[in-house]
Amino acid sequence: MTAMARWWPVLAPAVHLRYDRVRDTDLLLLPERVVVLEGNAGAVLRLCDGERDVPEIVAELTRRFPGAPVADEVPDFLCRVREEGWLR
């Protein structure tokens, strides 16, 4: 996680996070595509505001979800989302 420690993730300019009341889930709205998020993915991405680095995001989620494997799963999730081009 050392490389991630210096990364302050933020959604890419063309990506928007929205809550869909009809589906009762979070969505990522992309050009010509909608991604339905599962579980707490929306909670993770809402913390990607460009002001928190990855360790700060992990710490906040650990506080919100005690006992969850946040430290193991969140950095990997953020890397995958970044590889998709949804985070910068």
Protein backbone atom coordinates (compact mmCIF):
# COMPACT_ATOMS: atom_id res chain seq x y z
CA MET A 1 0.00 0.00 0.00
CA THR A 2 3.01 2.35 -0.05
CA ALA A 3 2.33 3.62 -3.55
CA MET A 4 -1.33 4.00 -2.65
CA ALA A 5 -0.44 6.03 0.44
CA ARG A 6 0.45 9.03 -1.76
CA TRP A 7 -2.70 8.80 -3.84
CA TRP A 8 -5.69 11.06 -3.12
CA PRO A 9 -8.38 9.39 -5.25
CA VAL A 10 -11.14 11.38 -6.88
CA LEU A 11 -13.75 10.39 -9.46
CA ALA A 12 -12.70 11.03 -13.04
CA PRO A 13 -14.30 14.16 -14.55
CA ALA A 14 -16.85 12.29 -16.68
CA VAL A 15 -17.88 9.91 -13.85
CA HIS A 16 -20.76 10.71 -11.50
CA LEU A 17 -21.87 8.79 -8.41
CA ARG A 18 -25.63 8.79 -7.89
CA TYR A 19 -28.06 6.97 -5.63
CA ASP A 20 -30.96 5.34 -7.49
CA ARG A 21 -34.04 5.26 -5.27
CA VAL A 22 -35.87 2.90 -7.63
CA ARG A 23 -33.11 0.25 -7.48
CA ASP A 24 -32.14 1.23 -3.90
CA THR A 25 -28.47 1.19 -4.86
CA ASP A 26 -25.62 3.44 -5.92
CA LEU A 27 -24.73 3.92 -9.58
CA LEU A 28 -21.73 5.22 -11.44
CA LEU A 29 -22.87 7.22 -14.43
CA LEU A 30 -20.30 7.16 -17.21
CA PRO A 31 -20.49 8.35 -20.79
CA GLU A 32 -22.74 5.84 -22.54
CA ARG A 33 -22.66 3.44 -19.57
CA VAL A 34 -24.17 2.90 -16.11
CA VAL A 35 -22.45 0.73 -13.51
CA VAL A 36 -24.62 -0.65 -10.71
CA LEU A 37 -22.55 -0.75 -7.53
CA GLU A 38 -22.94 -3.54 -4.99
CA GLY A 39 -22.51 -3.61 -1.24
CA ASN A 40 -20.66 -0.65 0.23
CA ALA A 41 -18.89 0.37 -2.97
CA GLY A 42 -20.79 3.66 -3.02
CA ALA A 43 -19.73 4.42 0.56
CA VAL A 44 -16.11 3.87 -0.45
CA LEU A 45 -16.35 6.02 -3.57
CA ARG A 46 -18.09 8.86 -1.72
CA LEU A 47 -14.91 9.23 0.34
CA CYS A 48 -12.84 9.65 -2.83
CA ASP A 49 -12.98 13.42 -2.79
CA GLY A 50 -9.35 14.20 -3.65
CA GLU A 51 -8.76 15.43 -0.10
CA ARG A 52 -8.33 12.06 1.64
CA ASP A 53 -5.55 9.68 0.78
CA VAL A 54 -6.11 5.92 0.75
CA PRO A 55 -5.02 5.34 4.39
CA GLU A 56 -7.46 8.05 5.52
CA ILE A 57 -10.27 6.42 3.52
CA VAL A 58 -9.42 3.03 5.05
CA ALA A 59 -9.37 4.56 8.56
CA GLU A 60 -12.77 6.19 8.07
CA LEU A 61 -14.33 2.98 6.73
CA THR A 62 -12.77 0.96 9.57
CA ARG A 63 -14.48 3.35 11.99
CA ARG A 64 -17.82 3.02 10.16
CA PHE A 65 -17.68 -0.74 9.67
CA PRO A 66 -15.85 -2.27 12.66
CA GLY A 67 -14.71 -5.82 12.06
CA ALA A 68 -14.99 -5.59 8.27
CA PRO A 69 -11.86 -6.47 6.24
CA VAL A 70 -11.54 -2.86 5.07
CA ALA A 71 -7.72 -2.67 5.13
CA ASP A 72 -7.47 -5.72 2.87
CA GLU A 73 -10.30 -5.03 0.44
CA VAL A 74 -10.56 -1.26 -0.03
CA PRO A 75 -7.09 -0.58 -1.53
CA ASP A 76 -7.61 -3.45 -4.00
CA PHE A 77 -11.07 -2.14 -4.90
CA LEU A 78 -9.72 1.37 -5.46
CA CYS A 79 -6.93 0.01 -7.67
CA ARG A 80 -9.46 -1.91 -9.80
CA VAL A 81 -11.70 1.15 -10.13
CA ARG A 82 -8.67 3.26 -11.06
CA GLU A 83 -7.64 0.73 -13.72
CA GLU A 84 -11.15 1.05 -15.21
CA GLY A 85 -10.49 4.77 -15.53
CA TRP A 86 -13.25 5.77 -13.11
CA LEU A 87 -10.84 7.28 -10.57
CA ARG A 88 -7.84 9.49 -11.04
